[in-house]
Amino acid sequence: MSIQEITIPRGRSKLVAVVRHARDIIQIDDVVSALSIGRTEATKLLSRWTSQGWLRRVGPGAYAAAQLDSLESEQVLDDPWLLVPALYAPAYIGGWSAAEYWDLTEQMFRQILVLTAQPVREKHQTRHGTQFILNHIQKRKLFGTKPVWRSRSKILVSDVHRTMIDLLDDPSIGGGSQQVADCLSSYLRRDDRNDELLIDYAATLGNGAVFKRLGFLAEENSDAVSLAEVCRGYLTSGNAKLDPSLECSRLISRWRLWVPSGWEKGRSHD
């Protein structure tokens, strides 16, 4: 949204300066910096502009400039991704949302999946008419991301390799184990497939279950047998589940992995 799209009456020069200074989401620090004022005065200005209809509150301490034709609507931002750095940083878009972005899946998800280092008190949040699913992640695990520009904002998205590892780390954020298996099949057909980086990310993440799931699923793809063999070298003790959300009654001892008895792609490796 450009500043020309907002008709500012006389006396709104401060708002113009703030909108020009900020990116797509306006926060208190933007007002302080643009107008060289204190936080208390900045907060009052944001409250006044919101009550006058020039701004819309889209989250705690976050505002979006409203166009005249949207003042009667609850939706101001066309792209809800713009809310992620403003509301949840340090964070990145991952899971099924990143899988969609990287064309690992044709399935469409209504909610936006965000991995954030902020404390998560409410996993399911609705902000500005959009549903967000939040997963807490340790700061040390904020790696393997790619900056993507949307409008004037830089948003972090897990790169395609980290996306795949995240799905294997927690199948629930990928839509379940069958969906994760389909995403892996898509990944293995990509020109930018990088087995070495995949292994490196998995080792850095430090969850032994990732190698068990990756090895088991990779072994079912004829062009990924070598990847599966590498995974065998990283197997940890103990058994894991292919999908912790499902009843997994069949143990694949070769991979120390419990899988559902009706697993579609499962082969007996016992």
Protein backbone atom coordinates (compact mmCIF):
# COMPACT_ATOMS: atom_id res chain seq x y z
CA MET A 1 0.00 0.00 0.00
CA SER A 2 1.55 3.33 -1.02
CA ILE A 3 1.13 6.56 0.84
CA GLN A 4 -0.66 7.98 -2.21
CA GLU A 5 -3.51 5.55 -1.59
CA ILE A 6 -4.41 7.30 1.67
CA THR A 7 -6.07 10.72 1.56
CA ILE A 8 -4.55 12.57 4.48
CA PRO A 9 -6.33 15.78 5.57
CA ARG A 10 -4.41 18.82 6.71
CA GLY A 11 -2.72 18.25 10.05
CA ARG A 12 -1.91 14.59 9.39
CA SER A 13 1.69 15.17 8.37
CA LYS A 14 2.89 13.21 11.41
CA LEU A 15 0.95 10.17 10.28
CA VAL A 16 2.40 10.54 6.78
CA ALA A 17 5.92 10.57 8.23
CA VAL A 18 5.23 7.45 10.30
CA VAL A 19 3.74 5.51 7.39
CA ARG A 20 6.70 6.42 5.20
CA HIS A 21 9.17 5.40 7.90
CA ALA A 22 7.54 2.09 8.81
CA ARG A 23 7.19 -0.93 6.60
CA ASP A 24 3.83 -2.64 6.33
CA ILE A 25 3.23 -2.92 10.07
CA ILE A 26 3.53 0.16 12.31
CA GLN A 27 4.83 -0.26 15.85
CA ILE A 28 5.55 2.14 18.70
CA ASP A 29 9.27 2.24 17.88
CA ASP A 30 8.43 3.38 14.34
CA VAL A 31 6.55 6.40 15.70
CA VAL A 32 9.32 7.20 18.17
CA SER A 33 11.96 7.04 15.45
CA ALA A 34 9.99 8.86 12.74
CA LEU A 35 8.85 11.74 14.95
CA SER A 36 11.68 11.83 17.53
CA ILE A 37 9.25 11.66 20.44
CA GLY A 38 8.90 9.58 23.59
CA ARG A 39 7.09 6.26 23.82
CA THR A 40 4.24 7.68 25.89
CA GLU A 41 3.43 10.33 23.30
CA ALA A 42 3.86 7.77 20.50
CA THR A 43 1.39 5.44 22.20
CA LYS A 44 -1.15 8.25 22.51
CA LEU A 45 -0.78 9.13 18.83
CA LEU A 46 -1.34 5.52 17.77
CA SER A 47 -4.44 5.34 19.96
CA ARG A 48 -5.79 8.59 18.52
CA TRP A 49 -5.16 7.57 14.89
CA THR A 50 -6.81 4.23 15.56
CA SER A 51 -9.91 5.84 17.07
CA GLN A 52 -10.08 8.17 14.07
CA GLY A 53 -9.98 5.22 11.68
CA TRP A 54 -6.60 5.95 10.08
CA LEU A 55 -5.01 2.88 11.63
CA ARG A 56 -6.20 -0.60 12.49
CA ARG A 57 -4.80 -2.57 15.41
CA VAL A 58 -3.67 -5.95 14.07
CA GLY A 59 -1.96 -7.28 17.19
CA PRO A 60 -0.40 -6.19 20.48
CA GLY A 61 1.41 -2.95 19.72
CA ALA A 62 1.05 -3.49 15.97
CA TYR A 63 -0.99 -1.41 13.53
CA ALA A 64 -1.70 -1.23 9.80
CA ALA A 65 -2.63 1.90 7.87
CA ALA A 66 -6.24 1.69 6.65
CA GLN A 67 -7.27 2.64 3.14
CA LEU A 68 -10.47 4.62 2.83
CA ASP A 69 -12.30 1.77 1.11
CA SER A 70 -11.39 -0.63 3.92
CA LEU A 71 -12.52 1.40 6.92
CA GLU A 72 -15.76 -0.56 7.17
CA SER A 73 -13.94 -3.88 6.87
CA GLU A 74 -12.07 -5.95 9.44
CA GLN A 75 -9.46 -6.81 6.82
CA VAL A 76 -6.83 -4.22 5.96
CA LEU A 77 -3.78 -6.31 5.09
CA ASP A 78 -4.04 -8.44 1.96
CA ASP A 79 -1.07 -10.58 3.03
CA PRO A 80 -1.26 -12.00 6.58
CA TRP A 81 2.39 -13.12 6.36
CA LEU A 82 3.26 -9.48 7.09
CA LEU A 83 2.09 -9.97 10.67
CA VAL A 84 4.63 -12.67 11.49
CA PRO A 85 7.80 -10.57 12.06
CA ALA A 86 5.81 -7.87 13.86
CA LEU A 87 3.99 -10.18 16.26
CA TYR A 88 6.11 -13.29 16.68
CA ALA A 89 9.78 -12.47 16.00
CA PRO A 90 12.19 -14.12 16.36
CA ALA A 91 10.23 -16.52 14.22
CA TYR A 92 9.85 -18.07 10.82
CA ILE A 93 7.05 -19.49 8.72
CA GLY A 94 7.44 -23.25 8.52
CA GLY A 95 5.65 -26.57 8.58
CA TRP A 96 2.80 -26.97 6.14
CA SER A 97 2.89 -23.24 5.26
CA ALA A 98 6.50 -23.53 4.09
CA ALA A 99 5.70 -26.83 2.35
CA GLU A 100 3.04 -25.00 0.34
CA TYR A 101 5.45 -22.16 -0.42
CA TRP A 102 8.12 -24.56 -1.73
CA ASP A 103 5.61 -26.64 -3.72
CA LEU A 104 6.26 -29.75 -1.67
CA THR A 105 2.52 -30.29 -1.45
CA GLU A 106 -0.59 -29.39 -3.40
CA GLN A 107 -2.69 -29.53 -0.26
CA MET A 108 -3.92 -26.17 0.98
CA PHE A 109 -4.04 -25.26 4.66
CA ARG A 110 -6.18 -22.51 6.11
CA GLN A 111 -3.94 -21.77 9.10
CA ILE A 112 -0.45 -20.25 8.93
CA LEU A 113 2.17 -22.29 10.79
CA VAL A 114 4.74 -20.21 12.69
CA LEU A 115 7.74 -21.41 14.68
CA THR A 116 8.69 -18.77 17.25
CA ALA A 117 11.24 -18.40 20.02
CA GLN A 118 8.73 -16.36 22.00
CA PRO A 119 6.89 -18.10 24.87
CA VAL A 120 3.70 -19.60 23.45
CA ARG A 121 0.75 -19.22 25.81
CA GLU A 122 -1.91 -19.68 23.15
CA LYS A 123 -0.98 -22.05 20.35
CA HIS A 124 -4.02 -21.13 18.26
CA GLN A 125 -4.37 -17.41 17.63
CA THR A 126 -6.58 -15.38 15.32
CA ARG A 127 -5.05 -12.09 14.25
CA HIS A 128 -6.70 -9.74 11.83
CA GLY A 129 -9.04 -12.44 10.55
CA THR A 130 -6.26 -15.00 9.99
CA GLN A 131 -5.64 -18.14 12.03
CA PHE A 132 -2.08 -18.77 13.18
CA ILE A 133 -0.73 -21.97 14.72
CA LEU A 134 2.31 -21.27 16.91
CA ASN A 135 5.01 -23.75 17.84
CA HIS A 136 7.72 -22.79 20.30
CA ILE A 137 11.31 -23.36 19.19
CA GLN A 138 14.60 -22.75 20.97
CA LYS A 139 16.63 -19.82 19.69
CA ARG A 140 19.55 -22.11 18.88
CA LYS A 141 17.31 -23.93 16.43
CA LEU A 142 16.56 -20.81 14.39
CA PHE A 143 18.66 -21.85 11.40
CA GLY A 144 18.07 -22.90 7.82
CA THR A 145 15.77 -19.99 6.98
CA LYS A 146 15.46 -17.85 3.89
CA PRO A 147 14.40 -14.18 3.84
CA VAL A 148 11.44 -13.52 1.56
CA TRP A 149 10.25 -10.02 0.71
CA ARG A 150 6.50 -9.48 0.79
CA SER A 151 5.51 -5.90 0.05
CA ARG A 152 8.05 -3.87 2.06
CA SER A 153 8.64 -6.45 4.77
CA LYS A 154 11.29 -9.16 5.08
CA ILE A 155 9.82 -12.41 6.36
CA LEU A 156 11.77 -15.52 7.28
CA VAL A 157 10.64 -18.86 5.85
CA SER A 158 12.33 -22.19 6.47
CA ASP A 159 14.27 -23.13 3.34
CA VAL A 160 13.13 -26.24 1.52
CA HIS A 161 15.66 -28.47 3.29
CA ARG A 162 14.86 -27.18 6.78
CA THR A 163 11.16 -27.45 5.95
CA MET A 164 11.58 -31.13 5.24
CA ILE A 165 13.53 -31.70 8.46
CA ASP A 166 10.92 -29.82 10.50
CA LEU A 167 8.17 -32.04 9.09
CA LEU A 168 10.16 -35.12 10.07
CA ASP A 169 10.86 -33.67 13.50
CA ASP A 170 7.15 -33.07 14.17
CA PRO A 171 4.80 -34.68 11.62
CA SER A 172 1.82 -32.82 13.10
CA ILE A 173 3.04 -29.53 11.64
CA GLY A 174 3.11 -31.16 8.22
CA GLY A 175 -0.42 -32.54 8.30
CA GLY A 176 0.49 -36.04 9.50
CA SER A 177 2.89 -38.81 8.55
CA GLN A 178 1.31 -39.65 5.17
CA GLN A 179 1.47 -36.01 4.13
CA VAL A 180 5.09 -35.83 5.31
CA ALA A 181 5.93 -38.93 3.25
CA ASP A 182 4.38 -37.30 0.19
CA CYS A 183 6.38 -34.12 0.81
CA LEU A 184 9.58 -36.15 1.05
CA SER A 185 8.80 -37.85 -2.27
CA SER A 186 8.38 -34.39 -3.82
CA TYR A 187 11.62 -33.19 -2.23
CA LEU A 188 13.59 -36.15 -3.58
CA ARG A 189 12.49 -35.25 -7.13
CA ARG A 190 13.60 -31.63 -6.89
CA ASP A 191 16.59 -30.25 -8.78
CA ASP A 192 17.79 -28.52 -5.60
CA ARG A 193 17.66 -31.68 -3.50
CA ASN A 194 20.67 -31.76 -1.20
CA ASP A 195 21.09 -34.95 0.83
CA GLU A 196 24.23 -33.69 2.57
CA LEU A 197 22.48 -30.52 3.77
CA LEU A 198 19.47 -32.56 4.85
CA ILE A 199 21.69 -34.73 7.04
CA ASP A 200 23.52 -31.69 8.39
CA TYR A 201 20.27 -29.98 9.38
CA ALA A 202 19.00 -33.14 11.06
CA ALA A 203 22.22 -33.52 13.05
CA THR A 204 22.12 -29.86 14.10
CA LEU A 205 18.51 -30.15 15.22
CA GLY A 206 19.51 -33.07 17.43
CA ASN A 207 16.37 -35.24 17.41
CA GLY A 208 17.28 -38.88 16.78
CA ALA A 209 13.72 -39.66 15.67
CA VAL A 210 14.30 -37.52 12.57
CA PHE A 211 16.91 -39.97 11.23
CA LYS A 212 14.67 -42.94 11.97
CA ARG A 213 11.73 -41.41 10.09
CA LEU A 214 13.90 -40.08 7.28
CA GLY A 215 15.74 -43.36 6.81
CA PHE A 216 12.55 -45.42 6.82
CA LEU A 217 10.76 -43.17 4.34
CA ALA A 218 13.84 -42.63 2.14
CA GLU A 219 14.36 -46.38 1.86
CA GLU A 220 10.93 -46.63 0.24
CA ASN A 221 12.14 -44.40 -2.62
CA SER A 222 14.34 -46.18 -5.13
CA ASP A 223 16.43 -43.07 -5.77
CA ALA A 224 17.13 -42.44 -2.06
CA VAL A 225 18.65 -45.73 -0.91
CA SER A 226 22.03 -44.07 -0.33
CA LEU A 227 20.36 -41.40 1.81
CA ALA A 228 18.73 -44.12 3.89
CA GLU A 229 22.09 -45.81 4.44
CA VAL A 230 23.59 -42.56 5.70
CA CYS A 231 20.71 -42.26 8.17
CA ARG A 232 21.52 -45.71 9.55
CA GLY A 233 24.83 -44.33 10.77
CA TYR A 234 22.98 -41.78 12.92
CA LEU A 235 20.52 -44.13 14.62
CA THR A 236 20.17 -43.59 18.34
CA SER A 237 19.06 -46.13 20.94
CA GLY A 238 15.40 -46.57 21.77
CA ASN A 239 12.34 -46.71 19.56
CA ALA A 240 10.40 -43.79 18.12
CA LYS A 241 7.03 -43.47 16.40
CA LEU A 242 6.59 -42.58 12.77
CA ASP A 243 3.68 -40.40 13.88
CA PRO A 244 3.25 -39.74 17.62
CA SER A 245 -0.40 -38.78 17.07
CA LEU A 246 -1.32 -42.24 15.71
CA GLU A 247 -1.55 -45.73 17.13
CA CYS A 248 1.69 -47.34 15.95
CA SER A 249 1.55 -51.06 16.65
CA ARG A 250 4.14 -52.42 14.20
CA LEU A 251 7.82 -52.17 15.04
CA ILE A 252 10.30 -51.84 12.17
CA SER A 253 13.29 -53.04 14.17
CA ARG A 254 15.66 -52.14 11.33
CA TRP A 255 14.83 -48.49 11.94
CA ARG A 256 13.81 -48.71 15.59
CA LEU A 257 10.55 -47.19 14.50
CA TRP A 258 6.93 -47.93 15.35
CA VAL A 259 4.56 -47.45 12.41
CA PRO A 260 0.76 -47.79 12.05
CA SER A 261 -0.30 -51.32 11.15
CA GLY A 262 -2.04 -50.04 8.03
CA TRP A 263 0.82 -47.84 6.84
CA GLU A 264 0.25 -47.50 3.09
CA LYS A 265 3.88 -47.50 2.03
CA GLY A 266 5.22 -49.76 4.76
CA ARG A 267 7.31 -52.80 3.86
CA SER A 268 8.40 -55.44 6.29
CA HIS A 269 12.01 -54.91 7.38
CA ASP A 270 11.81 -56.94 10.56
